[in-house]
Amino acid sequence: MPYSIPRNTGVQIDIVVVGTPAFRANILDGDVIIKINSEDVVDVAGFRDQLARYAGQKVELGVIRGDESKALPITLNPPSQ
């Protein structure tokens, strides 16, 4: 069940697929991604654009998990051809 976080921005993760960069970075179902590197994540469309821009790179995701904030390093998939 989703929980309430005190913000209007960010992207909540509903499912993490085994073997993906998110899985390897220990992102969990229910985490809310609020930053990629130092950029705010506002909504799903913007996050998709950010992921495309940083494709193949190692970045840091700012994540809210429950009442904790975490910084998780992740290497994103390379750009699709």
PDB file of N, CA and C in Angstrom:
ATOM      1  N   MET A   1       0.845  -1.182   0.000  1.00  0.00           N
ATOM      2  CA  MET A   1       0.000   0.000   0.000  1.00  0.00           C
ATOM      3  C   MET A   1       0.888   1.242   0.000  1.00  0.00           C
ATOM      4  N   PRO A   2       0.611   2.221  -0.873  1.00  0.00           N
ATOM      5  CA  PRO A   2       1.418   3.432  -0.895  1.00  0.00           C
ATOM      6  C   PRO A   2       1.276   4.211   0.409  1.00  0.00           C
ATOM      7  N   TYR A   3       2.315   4.895   0.760  1.00  0.00           N
ATOM      8  CA  TYR A   3       2.277   5.718   1.956  1.00  0.00           C
ATOM      9  C   TYR A   3       2.357   7.166   1.538  1.00  0.00           C
ATOM     10  N   SER A   4       2.025   8.043   2.439  1.00  0.00           N
ATOM     11  CA  SER A   4       2.007   9.462   2.133  1.00  0.00           C
ATOM     12  C   SER A   4       3.378  10.072   2.405  1.00  0.00           C
ATOM     13  N   ILE A   5       3.868  10.852   1.462  1.00  0.00           N
ATOM     14  CA  ILE A   5       5.108  11.586   1.678  1.00  0.00           C
ATOM     15  C   ILE A   5       4.799  13.069   1.597  1.00  0.00           C
ATOM     16  N   PRO A   6       5.528  13.871   2.339  1.00  0.00           N
ATOM     17  CA  PRO A   6       5.198  15.304   2.401  1.00  0.00           C
ATOM     18  C   PRO A   6       5.760  16.098   1.227  1.00  0.00           C
ATOM     19  N   ARG A   7       5.322  15.776   0.010  1.00  0.00           N
ATOM     20  CA  ARG A   7       5.784  16.504  -1.174  1.00  0.00           C
ATOM     21  C   ARG A   7       4.860  16.203  -2.356  1.00  0.00           C
ATOM     22  N   ASN A   8       4.908  17.070  -3.338  1.00  0.00           N
ATOM     23  CA  ASN A   8       4.089  16.892  -4.537  1.00  0.00           C
ATOM     24  C   ASN A   8       4.881  16.370  -5.719  1.00  0.00           C
ATOM     25  N   THR A   9       6.182  16.258  -5.575  1.00  0.00           N
ATOM     26  CA  THR A   9       7.024  15.851  -6.693  1.00  0.00           C
ATOM     27  C   THR A   9       7.710  14.528  -6.387  1.00  0.00           C
ATOM     28  N   GLY A  10       8.265  13.939  -7.427  1.00  0.00           N
ATOM     29  CA  GLY A  10       8.945  12.661  -7.287  1.00  0.00           C
ATOM     30  C   GLY A  10       8.191  11.583  -8.048  1.00  0.00           C
ATOM     31  N   VAL A  11       8.824  10.415  -8.132  1.00  0.00           N
ATOM     32  CA  VAL A  11       8.244   9.282  -8.836  1.00  0.00           C
ATOM     33  C   VAL A  11       8.275   8.078  -7.913  1.00  0.00           C
ATOM     34  N   GLN A  12       7.104   7.521  -7.628  1.00  0.00           N
ATOM     35  CA  GLN A  12       7.038   6.338  -6.770  1.00  0.00           C
ATOM     36  C   GLN A  12       7.255   5.078  -7.603  1.00  0.00           C
ATOM     37  N   ILE A  13       8.102   4.201  -7.099  1.00  0.00           N
ATOM     38  CA  ILE A  13       8.406   2.950  -7.776  1.00  0.00           C
ATOM     39  C   ILE A  13       7.379   1.905  -7.349  1.00  0.00           C
ATOM     40  N   ASP A  14       6.672   1.355  -8.319  1.00  0.00           N
ATOM     41  CA  ASP A  14       5.646   0.352  -8.021  1.00  0.00           C
ATOM     42  C   ASP A  14       6.187  -1.067  -8.084  1.00  0.00           C
ATOM     43  N   ILE A  15       7.170  -1.310  -8.950  1.00  0.00           N
ATOM     44  CA  ILE A  15       7.721  -2.656  -9.096  1.00  0.00           C
ATOM     45  C   ILE A  15       9.170  -2.548  -9.566  1.00  0.00           C
ATOM     46  N   VAL A  16      10.001  -3.429  -9.042  1.00  0.00           N
ATOM     47  CA  VAL A  16      11.401  -3.497  -9.453  1.00  0.00           C
ATOM     48  C   VAL A  16      11.624  -4.888 -10.051  1.00  0.00           C
ATOM     49  N   VAL A  17      12.108  -4.929 -11.267  1.00  0.00           N
ATOM     50  CA  VAL A  17      12.304  -6.182 -11.988  1.00  0.00           C
ATOM     51  C   VAL A  17      13.706  -6.731 -11.681  1.00  0.00           C
ATOM     52  N   VAL A  18      13.772  -8.011 -11.350  1.00  0.00           N
ATOM     53  CA  VAL A  18      15.034  -8.670 -11.053  1.00  0.00           C
ATOM     54  C   VAL A  18      15.997  -8.520 -12.227  1.00  0.00           C
ATOM     55  N   GLY A  19      17.248  -8.189 -11.913  1.00  0.00           N
ATOM     56  CA  GLY A  19      18.284  -8.091 -12.931  1.00  0.00           C
ATOM     57  C   GLY A  19      18.441  -6.718 -13.561  1.00  0.00           C
ATOM     58  N   THR A  20      17.549  -5.783 -13.262  1.00  0.00           N
ATOM     59  CA  THR A  20      17.636  -4.438 -13.833  1.00  0.00           C
ATOM     60  C   THR A  20      18.603  -3.583 -13.014  1.00  0.00           C
ATOM     61  N   PRO A  21      19.026  -2.435 -13.563  1.00  0.00           N
ATOM     62  CA  PRO A  21      19.860  -1.533 -12.770  1.00  0.00           C
ATOM     63  C   PRO A  21      19.199  -1.142 -11.444  1.00  0.00           C
ATOM     64  N   ALA A  22      17.897  -0.929 -11.437  1.00  0.00           N
ATOM     65  CA  ALA A  22      17.199  -0.582 -10.189  1.00  0.00           C
ATOM     66  C   ALA A  22      17.332  -1.706  -9.163  1.00  0.00           C
ATOM     67  N   PHE A  23      17.189  -2.942  -9.595  1.00  0.00           N
ATOM     68  CA  PHE A  23      17.334  -4.096  -8.702  1.00  0.00           C
ATOM     69  C   PHE A  23      18.746  -4.138  -8.124  1.00  0.00           C
ATOM     70  N   ARG A  24      19.743  -3.979  -8.998  1.00  0.00           N
ATOM     71  CA  ARG A  24      21.142  -4.029  -8.548  1.00  0.00           C
ATOM     72  C   ARG A  24      21.483  -2.874  -7.612  1.00  0.00           C
ATOM     73  N   ALA A  25      20.786  -1.740  -7.747  1.00  0.00           N
ATOM     74  CA  ALA A  25      21.026  -0.576  -6.890  1.00  0.00           C
ATOM     75  C   ALA A  25      20.246  -0.655  -5.579  1.00  0.00           C
ATOM     76  N   ASN A  26      19.482  -1.736  -5.388  1.00  0.00           N
ATOM     77  CA  ASN A  26      18.694  -1.952  -4.173  1.00  0.00           C
ATOM     78  C   ASN A  26      17.547  -0.951  -4.027  1.00  0.00           C
ATOM     79  N   ILE A  27      16.963  -0.539  -5.150  1.00  0.00           N
ATOM     80  CA  ILE A  27      15.740   0.253  -5.109  1.00  0.00           C
ATOM     81  C   ILE A  27      14.603  -0.712  -4.820  1.00  0.00           C
ATOM     82  N   LEU A  28      13.704  -0.306  -3.950  1.00  0.00           N
ATOM     83  CA  LEU A  28      12.616  -1.180  -3.513  1.00  0.00           C
ATOM     84  C   LEU A  28      11.264  -0.659  -3.960  1.00  0.00           C
ATOM     85  N   ASP A  29      10.303  -1.575  -4.101  1.00  0.00           N
ATOM     86  CA  ASP A  29       8.926  -1.175  -4.369  1.00  0.00           C
ATOM     87  C   ASP A  29       8.509  -0.177  -3.288  1.00  0.00           C
ATOM     88  N   GLY A  30       7.882   0.918  -3.697  1.00  0.00           N
ATOM     89  CA  GLY A  30       7.428   1.930  -2.748  1.00  0.00           C
ATOM     90  C   GLY A  30       8.401   3.078  -2.560  1.00  0.00           C
ATOM     91  N   ASP A  31       9.659   2.915  -2.971  1.00  0.00           N
ATOM     92  CA  ASP A  31      10.611   4.028  -2.900  1.00  0.00           C
ATOM     93  C   ASP A  31      10.094   5.177  -3.763  1.00  0.00           C
ATOM     94  N   VAL A  32      10.422   6.398  -3.362  1.00  0.00           N
ATOM     95  CA  VAL A  32      10.070   7.576  -4.150  1.00  0.00           C
ATOM     96  C   VAL A  32      11.372   8.246  -4.564  1.00  0.00           C
ATOM     97  N   ILE A  33      11.587   8.323  -5.872  1.00  0.00           N
ATOM     98  CA  ILE A  33      12.793   8.957  -6.392  1.00  0.00           C
ATOM     99  C   ILE A  33      12.532  10.450  -6.508  1.00  0.00           C
ATOM    100  N   ILE A  34      13.382  11.236  -5.831  1.00  0.00           N
ATOM    101  CA  ILE A  34      13.184  12.689  -5.801  1.00  0.00           C
ATOM    102  C   ILE A  34      14.296  13.453  -6.516  1.00  0.00           C
ATOM    103  N   LYS A  35      15.438  12.787  -6.769  1.00  0.00           N
ATOM    104  CA  LYS A  35      16.549  13.449  -7.457  1.00  0.00           C
ATOM    105  C   LYS A  35      17.298  12.448  -8.313  1.00  0.00           C
ATOM    106  N   ILE A  36      17.858  12.940  -9.404  1.00  0.00           N
ATOM    107  CA  ILE A  36      18.829  12.190 -10.179  1.00  0.00           C
ATOM    108  C   ILE A  36      20.026  13.132 -10.295  1.00  0.00           C
ATOM    109  N   ASN A  37      21.150  12.683  -9.738  1.00  0.00           N
ATOM    110  CA  ASN A  37      22.282  13.572  -9.482  1.00  0.00           C
ATOM    111  C   ASN A  37      21.742  14.746  -8.667  1.00  0.00           C
ATOM    112  N   SER A  38      21.949  15.953  -9.057  1.00  0.00           N
ATOM    113  CA  SER A  38      21.452  17.076  -8.247  1.00  0.00           C
ATOM    114  C   SER A  38      20.149  17.657  -8.787  1.00  0.00           C
ATOM    115  N   GLU A  39      19.570  17.023  -9.806  1.00  0.00           N
ATOM    116  CA  GLU A  39      18.342  17.532 -10.423  1.00  0.00           C
ATOM    117  C   GLU A  39      17.107  16.955  -9.744  1.00  0.00           C
ATOM    118  N   ASP A  40      16.133  17.806  -9.484  1.00  0.00           N
ATOM    119  CA  ASP A  40      14.863  17.335  -8.945  1.00  0.00           C
ATOM    120  C   ASP A  40      14.140  16.468  -9.960  1.00  0.00           C
ATOM    121  N   VAL A  41      13.489  15.440  -9.467  1.00  0.00           N
ATOM    122  CA  VAL A  41      12.583  14.620 -10.273  1.00  0.00           C
ATOM    123  C   VAL A  41      11.182  15.124  -9.954  1.00  0.00           C
ATOM    124  N   VAL A  42      10.506  15.627 -10.969  1.00  0.00           N
ATOM    125  CA  VAL A  42       9.206  16.251 -10.745  1.00  0.00           C
ATOM    126  C   VAL A  42       8.063  15.283 -11.014  1.00  0.00           C
ATOM    127  N   ASP A  43       8.137  14.592 -12.157  1.00  0.00           N
ATOM    128  CA  ASP A  43       7.046  13.700 -12.541  1.00  0.00           C
ATOM    129  C   ASP A  43       7.594  12.602 -13.448  1.00  0.00           C
ATOM    130  N   VAL A  44       6.734  11.677 -13.838  1.00  0.00           N
ATOM    131  CA  VAL A  44       7.161  10.521 -14.627  1.00  0.00           C
ATOM    132  C   VAL A  44       7.735  10.953 -15.975  1.00  0.00           C
ATOM    133  N   ALA A  45       7.074  11.861 -16.672  1.00  0.00           N
ATOM    134  CA  ALA A  45       7.549  12.287 -17.992  1.00  0.00           C
ATOM    135  C   ALA A  45       8.940  12.917 -17.886  1.00  0.00           C
ATOM    136  N   GLY A  46       9.126  13.775 -16.913  1.00  0.00           N
ATOM    137  CA  GLY A  46      10.425  14.401 -16.723  1.00  0.00           C
ATOM    138  C   GLY A  46      11.490  13.387 -16.332  1.00  0.00           C
ATOM    139  N   PHE A  47      11.123  12.412 -15.515  1.00  0.00           N
ATOM    140  CA  PHE A  47      12.070  11.378 -15.098  1.00  0.00           C
ATOM    141  C   PHE A  47      12.500  10.543 -16.303  1.00  0.00           C
ATOM    142  N   ARG A  48      11.577  10.227 -17.191  1.00  0.00           N
ATOM    143  CA  ARG A  48      11.938   9.493 -18.412  1.00  0.00           C
ATOM    144  C   ARG A  48      12.963  10.279 -19.234  1.00  0.00           C
ATOM    145  N   ASP A  49      12.735  11.582 -19.355  1.00  0.00           N
ATOM    146  CA  ASP A  49      13.682  12.423 -20.087  1.00  0.00           C
ATOM    147  C   ASP A  49      15.049  12.426 -19.410  1.00  0.00           C
ATOM    148  N   GLN A  50      15.071  12.516 -18.089  1.00  0.00           N
ATOM    149  CA  GLN A  50      16.329  12.503 -17.347  1.00  0.00           C
ATOM    150  C   GLN A  50      17.051  11.175 -17.541  1.00  0.00           C
ATOM    151  N   LEU A  51      16.319  10.074 -17.467  1.00  0.00           N
ATOM    152  CA  LEU A  51      16.934   8.759 -17.667  1.00  0.00           C
ATOM    153  C   LEU A  51      17.547   8.655 -19.058  1.00  0.00           C
ATOM    154  N   ALA A  52      16.866   9.181 -20.068  1.00  0.00           N
ATOM    155  CA  ALA A  52      17.389   9.144 -21.432  1.00  0.00           C
ATOM    156  C   ALA A  52      18.659   9.991 -21.536  1.00  0.00           C
ATOM    157  N   ARG A  53      18.669  11.128 -20.876  1.00  0.00           N
ATOM    158  CA  ARG A  53      19.824  12.021 -20.931  1.00  0.00           C
ATOM    159  C   ARG A  53      21.050  11.412 -20.248  1.00  0.00           C
ATOM    160  N   TYR A  54      20.826  10.663 -19.182  1.00  0.00           N
ATOM    161  CA  TYR A  54      21.923  10.062 -18.419  1.00  0.00           C
ATOM    162  C   TYR A  54      22.174   8.592 -18.794  1.00  0.00           C
ATOM    163  N   ALA A  55      21.548   8.103 -19.844  1.00  0.00           N
ATOM    164  CA  ALA A  55      21.666   6.686 -20.231  1.00  0.00           C
ATOM    165  C   ALA A  55      23.127   6.247 -20.302  1.00  0.00           C
ATOM    166  N   GLY A  56      23.405   5.091 -19.705  1.00  0.00           N
ATOM    167  CA  GLY A  56      24.734   4.509 -19.714  1.00  0.00           C
ATOM    168  C   GLY A  56      25.687   5.072 -18.675  1.00  0.00           C
ATOM    169  N   GLN A  57      25.264   6.078 -17.942  1.00  0.00           N
ATOM    170  CA  GLN A  57      26.134   6.732 -16.969  1.00  0.00           C
ATOM    171  C   GLN A  57      25.853   6.252 -15.545  1.00  0.00           C
ATOM    172  N   LYS A  58      26.847   6.438 -14.687  1.00  0.00           N
ATOM    173  CA  LYS A  58      26.654   6.198 -13.263  1.00  0.00           C
ATOM    174  C   LYS A  58      26.128   7.493 -12.656  1.00  0.00           C
ATOM    175  N   VAL A  59      24.994   7.404 -11.972  1.00  0.00           N
ATOM    176  CA  VAL A  59      24.367   8.567 -11.351  1.00  0.00           C
ATOM    177  C   VAL A  59      24.025   8.228  -9.908  1.00  0.00           C
ATOM    178  N   GLU A  60      23.577   9.235  -9.185  1.00  0.00           N
ATOM    179  CA  GLU A  60      23.104   9.025  -7.822  1.00  0.00           C
ATOM    180  C   GLU A  60      21.632   9.405  -7.767  1.00  0.00           C
ATOM    181  N   LEU A  61      20.824   8.491  -7.260  1.00  0.00           N
ATOM    182  CA  LEU A  61      19.401   8.767  -7.096  1.00  0.00           C
ATOM    183  C   LEU A  61      19.131   9.154  -5.656  1.00  0.00           C
ATOM    184  N   GLY A  62      18.425  10.254  -5.482  1.00  0.00           N
ATOM    185  CA  GLY A  62      17.921  10.633  -4.164  1.00  0.00           C
ATOM    186  C   GLY A  62      16.581   9.951  -3.983  1.00  0.00           C
ATOM    187  N   VAL A  63      16.464   9.176  -2.906  1.00  0.00           N
ATOM    188  CA  VAL A  63      15.288   8.329  -2.694  1.00  0.00           C
ATOM    189  C   VAL A  63      14.724   8.559  -1.302  1.00  0.00           C
ATOM    190  N   ILE A  64      13.411   8.589  -1.213  1.00  0.00           N
ATOM    191  CA  ILE A  64      12.744   8.561   0.087  1.00  0.00           C
ATOM    192  C   ILE A  64      12.199   7.156   0.273  1.00  0.00           C
ATOM    193  N   ARG A  65      12.576   6.542   1.374  1.00  0.00           N
ATOM    194  CA  ARG A  65      12.107   5.194   1.729  1.00  0.00           C
ATOM    195  C   ARG A  65      11.546   5.283   3.134  1.00  0.00           C
ATOM    196  N   GLY A  66      10.218   5.180   3.219  1.00  0.00           N
ATOM    197  CA  GLY A  66       9.585   5.366   4.530  1.00  0.00           C
ATOM    198  C   GLY A  66       9.838   6.779   5.009  1.00  0.00           C
ATOM    199  N   ASP A  67      10.472   6.916   6.170  1.00  0.00           N
ATOM    200  CA  ASP A  67      10.781   8.255   6.681  1.00  0.00           C
ATOM    201  C   ASP A  67      12.265   8.591   6.548  1.00  0.00           C
ATOM    202  N   GLU A  68      12.990   7.836   5.712  1.00  0.00           N
ATOM    203  CA  GLU A  68      14.417   8.060   5.501  1.00  0.00           C
ATOM    204  C   GLU A  68      14.687   8.582   4.096  1.00  0.00           C
ATOM    205  N   SER A  69      15.728   9.396   3.979  1.00  0.00           N
ATOM    206  CA  SER A  69      16.247   9.797   2.677  1.00  0.00           C
ATOM    207  C   SER A  69      17.528   9.022   2.433  1.00  0.00           C
ATOM    208  N   LYS A  70      17.709   8.545   1.218  1.00  0.00           N
ATOM    209  CA  LYS A  70      18.894   7.778   0.853  1.00  0.00           C
ATOM    210  C   LYS A  70      19.451   8.301  -0.457  1.00  0.00           C
ATOM    211  N   ALA A  71      20.749   8.100  -0.632  1.00  0.00           N
ATOM    212  CA  ALA A  71      21.402   8.383  -1.906  1.00  0.00           C
ATOM    213  C   ALA A  71      21.918   7.049  -2.422  1.00  0.00           C
ATOM    214  N   LEU A  72      21.401   6.604  -3.552  1.00  0.00           N
ATOM    215  CA  LEU A  72      21.766   5.299  -4.089  1.00  0.00           C
ATOM    216  C   LEU A  72      22.488   5.454  -5.423  1.00  0.00           C
ATOM    217  N   PRO A  73      23.724   4.961  -5.510  1.00  0.00           N
ATOM    218  CA  PRO A  73      24.418   4.991  -6.802  1.00  0.00           C
ATOM    219  C   PRO A  73      23.834   3.925  -7.727  1.00  0.00           C
ATOM    220  N   ILE A  74      23.762   4.267  -8.996  1.00  0.00           N
ATOM    221  CA  ILE A  74      23.191   3.347  -9.972  1.00  0.00           C
ATOM    222  C   ILE A  74      23.843   3.619 -11.334  1.00  0.00           C
ATOM    223  N   THR A  75      24.138   2.562 -12.064  1.00  0.00           N
ATOM    224  CA  THR A  75      24.602   2.707 -13.437  1.00  0.00           C
ATOM    225  C   THR A  75      23.413   2.381 -14.339  1.00  0.00           C
ATOM    226  N   LEU A  76      22.994   3.367 -15.104  1.00  0.00           N
ATOM    227  CA  LEU A  76      21.808   3.212 -15.947  1.00  0.00           C
ATOM    228  C   LEU A  76      22.122   2.395 -17.191  1.00  0.00           C
ATOM    229  N   ASN A  77      21.078   1.808 -17.745  1.00  0.00           N
ATOM    230  CA  ASN A  77      21.237   1.083 -19.013  1.00  0.00           C
ATOM    231  C   ASN A  77      21.755   2.030 -20.084  1.00  0.00           C
ATOM    232  N   PRO A  78      22.513   1.494 -21.044  1.00  0.00           N
ATOM    233  CA  PRO A  78      22.986   2.332 -22.147  1.00  0.00           C
ATOM    234  C   PRO A  78      21.806   2.786 -23.012  1.00  0.00           C
ATOM    235  N   PRO A  79      22.029   3.823 -23.826  1.00  0.00           N
ATOM    236  CA  PRO A  79      20.934   4.295 -24.698  1.00  0.00           C
ATOM    237  C   PRO A  79      20.479   3.185 -25.626  1.00  0.00           C
ATOM    238  N   SER A  80      19.180   3.163 -25.884  1.00  0.00           N
ATOM    239  CA  SER A  80      18.658   2.162 -26.835  1.00  0.00           C
ATOM    240  C   SER A  80      18.938   2.647 -28.244  1.00  0.00           C
ATOM    241  N   GLN A  81      19.205   1.712 -29.101  1.00  0.00           N
ATOM    242  CA  GLN A  81      19.573   2.045 -30.481  1.00  0.00           C
ATOM    243  C   GLN A  81      18.367   2.069 -31.364  1.00  0.00           C
TER     244      GLN A  81
END
